[in-house]
Amino acid sequence: MKKYTVFAFFLLSLSLSTLVLSCSGDSDTDTNVILSLDVSIKGANDSNSYGDGSGVVNFKATATNAVKYGFIIDNQSEQETTNGTYQYTFNDIEGVENHEIKVIAYFSANNSINISKTVAVAFYNGTPPIWADEFVEDGAPNPKNWNYNLGAGGWGNNELQTYTNSSENVIVEDGVLKIIARSDGSGGYTSARIKSENLFEFTYGTVEVRAKLPSAQGTWPAIWMLGANFEQVGWPNCGEIDIMEQTGWDKNKVLATCHWSNNGNYAGYGLETSITNSSSIFHVYKLVWSQGGAIRIFVDDDEYYVMTTDSSMPFNADFFFILNIAMGGNLGGTINPNFIQSTMEIDYVRVYQ
């Protein structure tokens, strides 16, 4: 049975949230006028603060004795109203984007006060995702969406890194998630592995992850999923879907693989495709996971992997996401002896149904 863990980006609620700002200034009639601004983002609530994906925002400004108001959106031309209300639809860029809002209250031709605010708003063409992380807020990954695997020990693949939750290894900056593998200066390596386990788990749908991969020899980046019953039944019984992996020795290819158990025996099926600029530009790695049908994997809408599934396979129940960079190991191979650091950047993770 499908289940959706509601978090800060569930896009179907229609309630409103309000931000109240204030600024003091002089006018013809008052020496301490307060300009307040209510910002109502359509569909926003405590679990969905960026809106329902429509991009619609209603503004309401008030100031004592103001004769008109001006609204400037993202440094565009000023729009004036007399009653302080203004509606604007942000529909230029898909996802969650920060927008700069300036509101001016006029008391005469020569006297006004103003306030400015950055507002994050969600907009999508067509049906919005049921879950997404657009990595709009700088700092640690959103704890409502992601937790961590921590420590060393090879992780079953002879890997050499130690996973941490340090900002040196995982951070959101400038609208992207950065997972950074580093040399520790003493012959060891640190990295990060974040997961949506117990926070967001789902069955079937289309997944899109826009990412730029690390370039250094020996890095093994992965965008993948494990069955949510992993803790109960172990691997490979839980099933694994690798939307994207890349070996440490060939940065001109990416891999897609499924792993599972067949009557108690390991089973797997994988394919690869060429990609010449995975470390220099962003690409969209996409999974289409259909009920009672197939698992299909794409790079930039070019399909290169199809696997037919059936009821005997563990691909008909909830899975969760994992994003990580391993160092060395079975698919990382030999690490460049001069390695210092290398980064995987994730612009967004989106799930559609």
Protein backbone atom coordinates (compact mmCIF):
# COMPACT_ATOMS: atom_id res chain seq x y z
CA MET A 1 0.00 0.00 0.00
CA LYS A 2 1.35 3.43 -0.90
CA LYS A 3 2.06 5.87 1.88
CA TYR A 4 3.39 9.42 1.78
CA THR A 5 5.25 10.98 4.65
CA VAL A 6 4.13 14.61 4.71
CA PHE A 7 6.99 17.08 5.09
CA ALA A 8 7.91 20.59 4.12
CA PHE A 9 7.08 20.08 0.47
CA PHE A 10 3.80 18.15 0.25
CA LEU A 11 2.08 20.18 -2.46
CA LEU A 12 -1.65 19.51 -2.17
CA SER A 13 -2.76 21.55 0.84
CA LEU A 14 -4.78 24.74 0.23
CA SER A 15 -4.44 26.56 3.53
CA LEU A 16 -2.68 29.91 3.80
CA SER A 17 0.27 31.09 5.85
CA THR A 18 1.17 34.67 6.71
CA LEU A 19 4.44 36.47 7.23
CA VAL A 20 4.23 39.86 8.96
CA LEU A 21 7.03 42.38 8.52
CA SER A 22 7.33 45.95 9.77
CA CYS A 23 9.40 49.03 9.09
CA SER A 24 9.35 52.47 10.69
CA GLY A 25 9.72 55.79 8.89
CA ASP A 26 8.51 59.39 8.62
CA SER A 27 5.48 60.70 6.76
CA ASP A 28 3.60 63.98 6.47
CA THR A 29 1.29 63.09 9.34
CA ASP A 30 3.20 60.57 11.46
CA THR A 31 6.71 60.40 12.81
CA ASN A 32 6.68 56.66 13.43
CA VAL A 33 4.55 55.02 10.76
CA ILE A 34 4.47 51.20 10.71
CA LEU A 35 4.29 49.55 7.29
CA SER A 36 3.11 45.94 7.58
CA LEU A 37 2.97 43.33 4.84
CA ASP A 38 0.97 40.10 4.86
CA VAL A 39 2.26 37.49 2.40
CA SER A 40 -0.16 34.66 1.60
CA ILE A 41 1.40 31.93 -0.55
CA LYS A 42 -1.31 29.77 -2.10
CA GLY A 43 -1.39 26.31 -0.57
CA ALA A 44 1.14 27.11 2.12
CA ASN A 45 0.96 25.70 5.65
CA ASP A 46 3.41 24.55 8.30
CA SER A 47 4.25 21.42 6.29
CA ASN A 48 4.25 23.16 2.92
CA SER A 49 5.66 26.62 3.41
CA TYR A 50 6.45 27.25 -0.26
CA GLY A 51 2.97 26.73 -1.69
CA ASP A 52 1.05 24.23 -3.78
CA GLY A 53 3.14 24.61 -6.94
CA SER A 54 0.91 27.26 -8.56
CA GLY A 55 3.30 30.13 -7.83
CA VAL A 56 0.41 32.36 -6.67
CA VAL A 57 1.16 34.88 -3.92
CA ASN A 58 -1.21 37.49 -2.45
CA PHE A 59 0.24 40.60 -0.82
CA LYS A 60 -1.53 42.96 1.58
CA ALA A 61 0.27 46.09 2.80
CA THR A 62 -1.04 48.59 5.34
CA ALA A 63 0.36 51.89 6.65
CA THR A 64 -1.43 54.70 8.50
CA ASN A 65 -2.52 57.52 6.16
CA ALA A 66 -0.86 56.01 3.10
CA VAL A 67 -2.41 57.22 -0.16
CA LYS A 68 -1.05 54.41 -2.36
CA TYR A 69 1.33 51.47 -2.35
CA GLY A 70 3.94 50.19 -4.76
CA PHE A 71 5.06 46.58 -5.27
CA ILE A 72 8.37 45.72 -6.94
CA ILE A 73 8.89 42.01 -7.71
CA ASP A 74 12.42 40.83 -8.53
CA ASN A 75 13.46 44.35 -9.58
CA GLN A 76 10.75 44.57 -12.25
CA SER A 77 8.65 47.67 -12.90
CA GLU A 78 6.77 49.00 -9.89
CA GLN A 79 3.05 48.16 -9.72
CA GLU A 80 0.87 50.62 -7.80
CA THR A 81 -2.40 50.04 -5.90
CA THR A 82 -4.48 52.29 -3.68
CA ASN A 83 -5.78 49.61 -1.32
CA GLY A 84 -2.48 47.81 -0.67
CA THR A 85 -3.52 44.48 -2.19
CA TYR A 86 -1.63 42.85 -5.02
CA GLN A 87 -1.51 39.35 -6.50
CA TYR A 88 1.45 37.97 -8.43
CA THR A 89 2.09 34.57 -10.01
CA PHE A 90 5.69 33.39 -10.17
CA ASN A 91 5.74 31.07 -13.17
CA ASP A 92 9.13 31.45 -14.82
CA ILE A 93 11.32 28.76 -13.23
CA GLU A 94 10.18 25.33 -12.05
CA GLY A 95 10.86 24.40 -8.47
CA VAL A 96 11.26 26.56 -5.39
CA GLU A 97 12.91 29.91 -6.03
CA ASN A 98 13.71 32.87 -3.82
CA HIS A 99 12.13 36.13 -4.96
CA GLU A 100 12.93 39.66 -3.85
CA ILE A 101 9.92 41.73 -2.82
CA LYS A 102 9.95 45.49 -2.15
CA VAL A 103 6.82 47.28 -0.91
CA ILE A 104 6.53 51.06 -0.74
CA ALA A 105 3.89 53.06 1.14
CA TYR A 106 3.42 56.61 -0.19
CA PHE A 107 2.08 59.46 1.97
CA SER A 108 2.74 62.28 -0.50
CA ALA A 109 4.76 62.85 -3.64
CA ASN A 110 7.89 63.33 -1.56
CA ASN A 111 7.37 61.07 1.41
CA SER A 112 7.31 57.27 1.62
CA ILE A 113 8.62 54.29 3.54
CA ASN A 114 9.48 50.82 2.23
CA ILE A 115 10.33 47.31 3.30
CA SER A 116 12.05 44.45 1.45
CA LYS A 117 11.75 40.70 1.91
CA THR A 118 12.98 37.49 0.29
CA VAL A 119 10.13 35.04 -0.28
CA ALA A 120 10.50 31.40 -1.41
CA VAL A 121 7.69 30.20 -3.71
CA ALA A 122 6.98 26.86 -5.43
CA PHE A 123 5.97 26.72 -9.09
CA TYR A 124 5.69 23.73 -11.46
CA ASN A 125 4.43 23.32 -15.00
CA GLY A 126 1.56 20.85 -14.95
CA THR A 127 1.00 18.52 -12.01
CA PRO A 128 3.41 19.27 -9.16
CA PRO A 129 5.44 16.51 -7.51
CA ILE A 130 3.98 14.75 -4.49
CA TRP A 131 7.33 15.20 -2.73
CA ALA A 132 10.44 17.17 -3.53
CA ASP A 133 13.50 18.79 -2.07
CA GLU A 134 14.66 21.83 -4.01
CA PHE A 135 17.44 22.64 -1.51
CA VAL A 136 16.42 26.27 -1.22
CA GLU A 137 17.54 26.88 2.38
CA ASP A 138 21.28 27.12 3.08
CA GLY A 139 22.82 24.98 5.81
CA ALA A 140 22.34 21.34 6.74
CA PRO A 141 19.92 19.25 4.64
CA ASN A 142 16.31 19.60 5.77
CA PRO A 143 15.93 17.20 8.75
CA LYS A 144 12.29 16.62 7.81
CA ASN A 145 13.55 15.03 4.59
CA TRP A 146 16.96 13.52 5.33
CA ASN A 147 18.88 11.66 7.99
CA TYR A 148 22.34 10.08 7.84
CA ASN A 149 24.36 6.92 7.69
CA LEU A 150 27.49 7.50 9.77
CA GLY A 151 30.81 5.75 10.26
CA ALA A 152 33.29 3.56 8.40
CA GLY A 153 33.69 -0.19 7.98
CA GLY A 154 33.62 -0.67 4.22
CA TRP A 155 29.81 -0.78 3.92
CA GLY A 156 29.99 -4.22 2.32
CA ASN A 157 31.91 -2.95 -0.70
CA ASN A 158 35.47 -2.46 0.63
CA GLU A 159 34.96 1.31 0.66
CA LEU A 160 37.54 3.52 2.34
CA GLN A 161 35.56 6.57 3.49
CA THR A 162 34.10 7.48 6.85
CA TYR A 163 30.63 9.00 6.56
CA THR A 164 29.93 12.12 8.65
CA ASN A 165 27.20 14.71 9.05
CA SER A 166 29.77 17.53 9.11
CA SER A 167 29.17 20.62 6.97
CA GLU A 168 32.57 19.88 5.45
CA ASN A 169 30.99 16.81 3.83
CA VAL A 170 27.34 17.77 3.31
CA ILE A 171 25.81 21.23 2.99
CA VAL A 172 23.15 23.14 1.09
CA GLU A 173 24.54 26.27 -0.57
CA ASP A 174 23.25 28.54 -3.34
CA GLY A 175 20.26 26.30 -4.11
CA VAL A 176 22.11 22.99 -4.38
CA LEU A 177 22.96 20.12 -2.06
CA LYS A 178 26.69 19.44 -1.99
CA ILE A 179 28.07 16.06 -0.92
CA ILE A 180 31.81 16.47 -0.60
CA ALA A 181 34.36 13.65 -0.39
CA ARG A 182 37.61 14.80 1.22
CA SER A 183 41.05 13.56 2.10
CA ASP A 184 41.58 13.82 5.85
CA GLY A 185 45.29 14.53 5.29
CA SER A 186 46.34 11.32 7.03
CA GLY A 187 45.61 8.74 4.35
CA GLY A 188 41.90 8.48 5.09
CA TYR A 189 38.76 9.97 3.55
CA THR A 190 35.50 11.48 4.73
CA SER A 191 32.22 11.83 2.86
CA ALA A 192 28.45 11.86 3.46
CA ARG A 193 25.54 9.49 2.88
CA ILE A 194 22.07 10.93 3.44
CA LYS A 195 18.79 9.01 3.24
CA SER A 196 15.04 9.55 3.49
CA GLU A 197 14.49 6.36 5.51
CA ASN A 198 11.49 6.68 7.88
CA LEU A 199 10.89 10.22 6.56
CA PHE A 200 9.74 9.68 2.99
CA GLU A 201 9.09 6.22 1.57
CA PHE A 202 6.94 5.49 -1.48
CA THR A 203 5.80 2.85 -3.96
CA TYR A 204 5.79 3.55 -7.72
CA GLY A 205 6.17 6.84 -9.49
CA THR A 206 8.58 8.94 -11.51
CA VAL A 207 11.73 10.24 -9.86
CA GLU A 208 13.85 13.05 -11.26
CA VAL A 209 17.22 14.02 -9.76
CA ARG A 210 19.21 16.83 -11.37
CA ALA A 211 22.87 16.36 -10.49
CA LYS A 212 26.46 17.14 -11.34
CA LEU A 213 28.88 14.33 -10.46
CA PRO A 214 32.36 14.38 -8.86
CA SER A 215 35.28 14.31 -11.27
CA ALA A 216 38.09 12.76 -9.25
CA GLN A 217 39.44 9.27 -9.89
CA GLY A 218 38.37 6.91 -7.11
CA THR A 219 35.05 8.63 -6.32
CA TRP A 220 31.93 6.46 -6.50
CA PRO A 221 28.79 8.65 -6.51
CA ALA A 222 25.34 7.10 -6.25
CA ILE A 223 21.69 8.15 -6.42
CA TRP A 224 19.75 5.09 -5.33
CA MET A 225 16.94 3.49 -3.34
CA LEU A 226 16.53 0.64 -0.86
CA GLY A 227 13.41 -1.22 0.18
CA ALA A 228 11.92 0.27 3.34
CA ASN A 229 11.99 -3.18 4.99
CA PHE A 230 15.79 -3.24 4.80
CA GLU A 231 16.20 -3.38 8.59
CA GLN A 232 13.81 -6.34 8.84
CA VAL A 233 14.84 -8.54 5.89
CA GLY A 234 18.31 -7.31 4.95
CA TRP A 235 19.92 -6.93 1.57
CA PRO A 236 19.29 -8.07 -1.17
CA ASN A 237 15.89 -9.32 0.04
CA CYS A 238 14.68 -5.72 0.44
CA GLY A 239 15.56 -4.84 -3.16
CA GLU A 240 17.72 -2.03 -4.48
CA ILE A 241 17.22 0.39 -7.39
CA ASP A 242 20.32 2.28 -8.52
CA ILE A 243 19.09 5.26 -10.52
CA MET A 244 22.66 6.40 -11.10
CA GLU A 245 26.07 5.08 -10.14
CA GLN A 246 29.44 5.98 -11.61
CA THR A 247 32.68 4.09 -11.24
CA GLY A 248 35.83 5.74 -10.02
CA TRP A 249 37.76 4.83 -13.16
CA ASP A 250 35.36 5.86 -15.94
CA LYS A 251 33.75 9.27 -15.65
CA ASN A 252 32.36 9.01 -19.17
CA LYS A 253 29.69 6.45 -18.26
CA VAL A 254 26.92 5.98 -15.70
CA LEU A 255 25.26 2.77 -14.55
CA ALA A 256 21.71 1.71 -13.69
CA THR A 257 21.21 -1.52 -11.74
CA CYS A 258 18.57 -3.42 -9.80
CA HIS A 259 19.48 -5.93 -7.07
CA TRP A 260 17.17 -8.44 -5.39
CA SER A 261 16.90 -11.99 -4.08
CA ASN A 262 15.62 -14.84 -6.24
CA ASN A 263 14.60 -17.82 -4.11
CA GLY A 264 17.27 -16.91 -1.58
CA ASN A 265 19.96 -16.31 -4.21
CA TYR A 266 21.35 -12.94 -5.23
CA ALA A 267 20.02 -11.58 -8.53
CA GLY A 268 20.92 -8.41 -10.36
CA TYR A 269 20.61 -6.68 -13.70
CA GLY A 270 22.57 -3.61 -14.79
CA LEU A 271 23.32 -1.55 -17.88
CA GLU A 272 25.50 1.47 -18.62
CA THR A 273 25.39 4.45 -20.97
CA SER A 274 27.94 6.98 -22.17
CA ILE A 275 27.98 10.51 -20.76
CA THR A 276 30.88 12.82 -21.59
CA ASN A 277 30.28 15.80 -19.30
CA SER A 278 28.74 14.44 -16.11
CA SER A 279 31.14 16.42 -13.92
CA SER A 280 30.90 19.76 -15.72
CA ILE A 281 27.15 20.23 -16.28
CA PHE A 282 23.94 19.09 -14.62
CA HIS A 283 22.00 16.14 -16.01
CA VAL A 284 18.60 14.75 -15.00
CA TYR A 285 18.72 11.13 -13.85
CA LYS A 286 15.19 9.73 -14.03
CA LEU A 287 13.43 6.59 -12.83
CA VAL A 288 9.98 5.51 -14.06
CA TRP A 289 8.74 2.78 -11.71
CA SER A 290 5.44 1.25 -12.78
CA GLN A 291 3.09 -1.05 -10.89
CA GLY A 292 3.16 -4.58 -12.29
CA GLY A 293 5.25 -3.49 -15.24
CA ALA A 294 8.80 -2.27 -15.54
CA ILE A 295 11.60 -0.21 -14.06
CA ARG A 296 12.92 2.24 -16.64
CA ILE A 297 15.89 4.57 -16.18
CA PHE A 298 16.89 7.61 -18.23
CA VAL A 299 19.55 10.29 -18.56
CA ASP A 300 18.06 13.57 -19.81
CA ASP A 301 14.97 11.70 -21.09
CA ASP A 302 17.10 9.21 -23.05
CA GLU A 303 16.02 5.76 -21.88
CA TYR A 304 18.82 3.21 -21.62
CA TYR A 305 17.60 0.73 -19.00
CA VAL A 306 14.42 -1.37 -18.85
CA MET A 307 13.75 -4.28 -16.53
CA THR A 308 10.43 -6.11 -16.39
CA THR A 309 9.25 -6.82 -12.84
CA ASP A 310 6.83 -9.37 -11.40
CA SER A 311 5.18 -10.16 -8.08
CA SER A 312 8.03 -12.44 -6.98
CA MET A 313 10.43 -9.48 -6.92
CA PRO A 314 10.63 -6.93 -4.07
CA PHE A 315 9.76 -3.95 -6.28
CA ASN A 316 6.13 -3.61 -5.26
CA ALA A 317 6.56 -2.00 -1.83
CA ASP A 318 7.95 1.18 -0.29
CA PHE A 319 11.51 2.35 -0.97
CA PHE A 320 13.58 5.27 0.36
CA PHE A 321 16.30 7.44 -1.19
CA ILE A 322 20.05 7.39 -0.56
CA LEU A 323 22.51 9.98 -1.90
CA ASN A 324 26.24 9.47 -1.32
CA ILE A 325 29.82 9.45 -2.55
CA ALA A 326 31.92 6.42 -1.63
CA MET A 327 35.71 6.33 -1.97
CA GLY A 328 37.51 3.39 -3.51
CA GLY A 329 35.95 -0.02 -3.02
CA ASN A 330 34.37 -2.29 -5.58
CA LEU A 331 33.22 0.47 -7.93
CA GLY A 332 35.47 3.28 -6.76
CA GLY A 333 38.70 1.50 -7.58
CA THR A 334 42.07 3.15 -7.17
CA ILE A 335 41.99 6.62 -5.66
CA ASN A 336 44.17 9.33 -7.17
CA PRO A 337 47.14 9.64 -4.79
CA ASN A 338 46.88 13.43 -5.07
CA PHE A 339 43.18 13.46 -4.18
CA ILE A 340 42.07 16.40 -2.03
CA GLN A 341 38.30 16.66 -2.51
CA SER A 342 35.52 16.22 -5.07
CA THR A 343 31.82 17.13 -4.97
CA MET A 344 28.46 15.83 -6.16
CA GLU A 345 25.92 18.65 -6.53
CA ILE A 346 22.17 17.93 -6.44
CA ASP A 347 19.85 20.66 -7.72
CA TYR A 348 16.64 18.85 -6.81
CA VAL A 349 14.96 15.53 -6.06
CA ARG A 350 11.33 15.25 -7.25
CA VAL A 351 8.78 12.43 -7.06
CA TYR A 352 5.69 12.45 -9.30
CA GLN A 353 2.70 10.10 -9.24
